[in-house]
Amino acid sequence: MEELRELSGYYSILKSIAFGNTRPNEIAQACGLPRGTVVKYLSVLQNLHIVTREVPITEKHPDKSRKGIYRLSDYYFNFWFRFIMPYKSFIEEGEWRVVLERKIRPYLDQYTGLVFEQIAAEYLKRINRQGRLPLTLERIGKYWDPKRELDIVAIDEEGKRILVGECKWSKKRVGQNILCDLVKKASMPRYENYEYFYALFSRAGFTESLQKQENPNVLLISLDDMDKCE
């Protein structure tokens, strides 16, 4: 209220992003606002560090890229606009159990999976600073195109190495099939001469057969590993 006018428009945009609308056109349609207005508001929210703009890590000119998407920078804001604000009146009337069981629990794993991707990226940055990776990460982010999406891509330009990661917030252990799928979709022509590394992040751990694989270019990282990282 101190920083902004027309709070309803900003709130509508933040709610839209929290519900998964990440591109200006999608946000404008969900909010019922002109695209130009949405772009202007997004710029203000970026300056306030409430919203972050992301582009595929491979973009040469990120500021000029038309592939930008938006997300809420703060996890608390993200949760509030996704699960609390839309049902605030019900909660205030004492119907919080209904909100919890019908509006939060069924979608919580899906929501947490997106947060897990961001935490995994932060984990890689931390162990990279500690020199605990087989490559030196110069850039880290996401990659997407019309055919695929990669949760994590980290690039070592000088060493001509690239790390591609997949994050699974599932109660099922990750197996060899997930690694095979990651290897298939990870290859990018621009980096065909690079050495590839693969990182799998799993909430539930890994199958015995996957743990027995001896490929030094495959990193298996469990939730416990991440929790123990200093």
Protein backbone atom coordinates (compact mmCIF):
# COMPACT_ATOMS: atom_id res chain seq x y z
CA MET A 1 0.00 0.00 0.00
CA GLU A 2 2.97 2.32 0.63
CA GLU A 3 4.63 1.53 -2.69
CA LEU A 4 1.77 1.01 -5.12
CA ARG A 5 -1.47 2.46 -6.36
CA GLU A 6 -4.33 0.44 -7.84
CA LEU A 7 -3.62 -2.50 -5.57
CA SER A 8 -6.37 -4.65 -7.07
CA GLY A 9 -4.54 -4.81 -10.41
CA TYR A 10 -1.25 -5.80 -8.82
CA TYR A 11 -2.96 -8.37 -6.60
CA SER A 12 -4.70 -9.84 -9.62
CA ILE A 13 -1.38 -10.21 -11.45
CA LEU A 14 0.36 -11.80 -8.47
CA LYS A 15 -2.52 -14.24 -8.00
CA SER A 16 -2.43 -15.11 -11.70
CA ILE A 17 1.30 -15.88 -11.58
CA ALA A 18 0.87 -17.95 -8.42
CA PHE A 19 -1.73 -20.05 -10.26
CA GLY A 20 0.72 -20.83 -13.06
CA ASN A 21 0.23 -18.08 -15.63
CA THR A 22 3.78 -17.04 -16.39
CA ARG A 23 3.68 -15.16 -19.72
CA PRO A 24 2.32 -11.60 -20.17
CA ASN A 25 -0.43 -12.72 -22.55
CA GLU A 26 -1.57 -15.47 -20.16
CA ILE A 27 -1.51 -13.09 -17.20
CA ALA A 28 -3.43 -10.42 -19.12
CA GLN A 29 -6.11 -12.90 -20.16
CA ALA A 30 -6.47 -14.31 -16.64
CA CYS A 31 -6.68 -10.84 -15.09
CA GLY A 32 -8.84 -9.22 -17.73
CA LEU A 33 -6.31 -6.41 -18.11
CA PRO A 34 -4.73 -4.96 -21.27
CA ARG A 35 -1.37 -6.54 -22.07
CA GLY A 36 0.35 -3.14 -22.00
CA THR A 37 -0.91 -2.52 -18.47
CA VAL A 38 0.27 -5.95 -17.36
CA VAL A 39 3.75 -5.37 -18.80
CA LYS A 40 3.96 -2.03 -17.00
CA TYR A 41 2.85 -3.55 -13.69
CA LEU A 42 5.29 -6.45 -14.08
CA SER A 43 8.13 -3.96 -14.51
CA VAL A 44 7.16 -2.25 -11.27
CA LEU A 45 6.94 -5.58 -9.44
CA GLN A 46 10.39 -6.53 -10.74
CA ASN A 47 11.85 -3.29 -9.42
CA LEU A 48 10.34 -4.11 -6.03
CA HIS A 49 11.92 -7.61 -6.22
CA ILE A 50 8.48 -9.20 -5.82
CA VAL A 51 8.52 -10.74 -9.30
CA THR A 52 11.45 -12.30 -11.19
CA ARG A 53 11.73 -12.63 -14.95
CA GLU A 54 13.37 -15.79 -16.30
CA VAL A 55 14.53 -16.73 -19.79
CA PRO A 56 16.04 -20.00 -21.07
CA ILE A 57 19.64 -20.21 -19.87
CA THR A 58 20.88 -20.52 -23.45
CA GLU A 59 19.60 -17.08 -24.51
CA LYS A 60 22.48 -14.86 -25.67
CA HIS A 61 20.65 -11.59 -24.95
CA PRO A 62 18.34 -12.23 -21.96
CA ASP A 63 17.10 -8.64 -21.71
CA LYS A 64 15.88 -8.70 -25.30
CA SER A 65 14.52 -12.23 -25.32
CA ARG A 66 10.83 -12.72 -26.07
CA LYS A 67 10.82 -16.03 -24.21
CA GLY A 68 10.68 -14.47 -20.75
CA ILE A 69 8.39 -15.88 -18.08
CA TYR A 70 7.57 -14.50 -14.65
CA ARG A 71 7.44 -16.02 -11.19
CA LEU A 72 7.07 -14.71 -7.66
CA SER A 73 10.44 -14.20 -6.03
CA ASP A 74 9.37 -14.96 -2.47
CA TYR A 75 8.05 -18.38 -1.44
CA TYR A 76 5.84 -16.87 1.25
CA PHE A 77 4.18 -14.52 -1.26
CA ASN A 78 3.80 -17.40 -3.69
CA PHE A 79 2.05 -19.60 -1.15
CA TRP A 80 -0.18 -16.77 0.11
CA PHE A 81 -1.39 -15.75 -3.35
CA ARG A 82 -1.87 -19.39 -4.39
CA PHE A 83 -3.59 -20.86 -1.34
CA ILE A 84 -4.63 -18.16 1.13
CA MET A 85 -5.75 -14.99 -0.63
CA PRO A 86 -8.34 -16.63 -2.94
CA TYR A 87 -10.04 -18.30 0.05
CA LYS A 88 -9.44 -15.63 2.69
CA SER A 89 -13.13 -15.07 3.40
CA PHE A 90 -13.70 -18.81 4.03
CA ILE A 91 -10.73 -18.95 6.38
CA GLU A 92 -11.92 -15.89 8.30
CA GLU A 93 -15.35 -17.51 8.69
CA GLY A 94 -13.71 -20.56 10.31
CA GLU A 95 -13.90 -22.84 7.27
CA TRP A 96 -10.12 -23.36 7.18
CA ARG A 97 -10.46 -27.16 7.29
CA VAL A 98 -12.47 -27.12 4.06
CA VAL A 99 -9.86 -24.90 2.42
CA LEU A 100 -7.07 -27.16 3.65
CA GLU A 101 -8.64 -30.41 2.46
CA ARG A 102 -10.15 -29.21 -0.84
CA LYS A 103 -7.98 -26.32 -1.98
CA ILE A 104 -4.52 -26.96 -0.53
CA ARG A 105 -3.76 -30.65 0.06
CA PRO A 106 -4.74 -31.88 -3.45
CA TYR A 107 -2.34 -29.40 -5.07
CA LEU A 108 0.41 -29.18 -2.47
CA ASP A 109 2.78 -31.74 -4.01
CA GLN A 110 2.48 -30.10 -7.42
CA TYR A 111 3.18 -26.70 -5.88
CA THR A 112 6.09 -27.98 -3.78
CA GLY A 113 7.59 -29.66 -6.85
CA LEU A 114 8.13 -26.25 -8.44
CA VAL A 115 9.72 -24.94 -5.26
CA PHE A 116 11.89 -28.07 -5.12
CA GLU A 117 13.36 -27.16 -8.50
CA GLN A 118 14.46 -23.79 -7.19
CA ILE A 119 15.93 -25.31 -4.04
CA ALA A 120 17.85 -27.84 -6.14
CA ALA A 121 19.35 -25.02 -8.18
CA GLU A 122 20.40 -23.23 -4.99
CA TYR A 123 21.97 -26.47 -3.74
CA LEU A 124 24.05 -26.75 -6.90
CA LYS A 125 25.21 -23.16 -6.53
CA ARG A 126 26.29 -23.86 -2.97
CA ILE A 127 28.29 -27.01 -3.65
CA ASN A 128 29.73 -25.32 -6.74
CA ARG A 129 31.16 -22.58 -4.48
CA GLN A 130 32.58 -25.33 -2.29
CA GLY A 131 34.31 -26.97 -5.26
CA ARG A 132 32.36 -30.21 -4.85
CA LEU A 133 31.22 -30.57 -8.47
CA PRO A 134 33.10 -32.23 -11.36
CA LEU A 135 32.70 -28.99 -13.32
CA THR A 136 32.70 -25.28 -12.56
CA LEU A 137 29.28 -23.74 -13.06
CA GLU A 138 29.39 -20.31 -14.67
CA ARG A 139 25.65 -20.01 -15.38
CA ILE A 140 22.68 -21.88 -14.02
CA GLY A 141 18.98 -21.70 -14.87
CA LYS A 142 16.21 -23.48 -16.77
CA TYR A 143 15.68 -24.35 -20.40
CA TRP A 144 12.49 -24.72 -22.41
CA ASP A 145 11.38 -24.78 -26.01
CA PRO A 146 8.15 -25.92 -27.70
CA LYS A 147 9.15 -29.59 -27.41
CA ARG A 148 10.76 -29.94 -23.99
CA GLU A 149 11.54 -28.43 -20.63
CA LEU A 150 14.64 -28.99 -18.51
CA ASP A 151 14.38 -28.25 -14.79
CA ILE A 152 18.03 -27.26 -14.40
CA VAL A 153 20.77 -26.46 -16.90
CA ALA A 154 24.20 -25.33 -15.70
CA ILE A 155 26.97 -24.42 -18.11
CA ASP A 156 30.76 -24.39 -17.84
CA GLU A 157 31.73 -22.48 -20.99
CA GLU A 158 35.47 -22.50 -20.33
CA GLY A 159 35.63 -26.21 -19.58
CA LYS A 160 33.09 -27.07 -22.31
CA ARG A 161 30.91 -28.98 -19.87
CA ILE A 162 27.20 -28.85 -19.21
CA LEU A 163 25.05 -30.23 -16.40
CA VAL A 164 21.37 -31.03 -16.91
CA GLY A 165 19.13 -31.77 -13.95
CA GLU A 166 15.74 -33.34 -13.32
CA CYS A 167 13.82 -32.81 -10.06
CA LYS A 168 11.23 -35.29 -8.81
CA TRP A 169 9.06 -34.35 -5.85
CA SER A 170 7.38 -37.74 -5.77
CA LYS A 171 6.85 -40.43 -3.15
CA LYS A 172 8.13 -42.96 -5.67
CA ARG A 173 11.85 -43.64 -5.93
CA VAL A 174 13.56 -42.46 -9.09
CA GLY A 175 14.70 -45.26 -11.41
CA GLN A 176 16.79 -45.87 -14.50
CA ASN A 177 13.91 -44.85 -16.76
CA ILE A 178 14.01 -41.26 -15.48
CA LEU A 179 17.74 -41.06 -16.19
CA CYS A 180 17.23 -42.44 -19.71
CA ASP A 181 14.49 -39.89 -20.41
CA LEU A 182 16.72 -37.08 -19.16
CA VAL A 183 19.62 -38.16 -21.36
CA LYS A 184 17.35 -38.28 -24.42
CA LYS A 185 15.88 -34.81 -23.97
CA ALA A 186 19.04 -33.11 -22.70
CA SER A 187 21.05 -32.97 -25.92
CA MET A 188 21.27 -29.51 -27.51
CA PRO A 189 22.98 -28.89 -30.88
CA ARG A 190 24.66 -25.75 -29.59
CA TYR A 191 26.49 -27.85 -26.99
CA GLU A 192 27.13 -30.99 -29.02
CA ASN A 193 30.89 -30.76 -28.34
CA TYR A 194 30.42 -30.37 -24.60
CA GLU A 195 30.80 -33.12 -22.01
CA TYR A 196 27.41 -33.78 -20.42
CA PHE A 197 26.70 -34.40 -16.73
CA TYR A 198 23.31 -35.41 -15.37
CA ALA A 199 21.90 -34.61 -11.92
CA LEU A 200 18.81 -36.30 -10.52
CA PHE A 201 17.16 -34.77 -7.45
CA SER A 202 14.68 -36.98 -5.63
CA ARG A 203 12.46 -36.57 -2.60
CA ALA A 204 12.07 -40.34 -2.13
CA GLY A 205 15.55 -41.51 -3.11
CA PHE A 206 16.60 -43.86 -5.89
CA THR A 207 16.05 -47.47 -6.92
CA GLU A 208 18.75 -49.98 -6.10
CA SER A 209 19.62 -50.53 -9.75
CA LEU A 210 20.12 -46.80 -10.33
CA GLN A 211 22.31 -46.50 -7.26
CA LYS A 212 24.51 -49.29 -8.58
CA GLN A 213 25.25 -47.51 -11.86
CA GLU A 214 28.87 -46.38 -11.99
CA ASN A 215 28.74 -43.52 -14.45
CA PRO A 216 30.84 -40.68 -12.93
CA ASN A 217 28.86 -38.18 -15.00
CA VAL A 218 25.62 -38.99 -13.16
CA LEU A 219 24.91 -37.31 -9.82
CA LEU A 220 22.19 -38.72 -7.55
CA ILE A 221 21.09 -36.19 -4.95
CA SER A 222 18.48 -37.04 -2.33
CA LEU A 223 16.51 -34.74 -0.06
CA ASP A 224 18.74 -35.87 2.82
CA ASP A 225 21.85 -34.86 0.86
CA MET A 226 20.41 -31.40 0.33
CA ASP A 227 19.34 -31.09 3.95
CA LYS A 228 22.86 -31.90 5.20
CA CYS A 229 24.56 -29.35 2.96
CA GLU A 230 26.17 -26.55 4.95
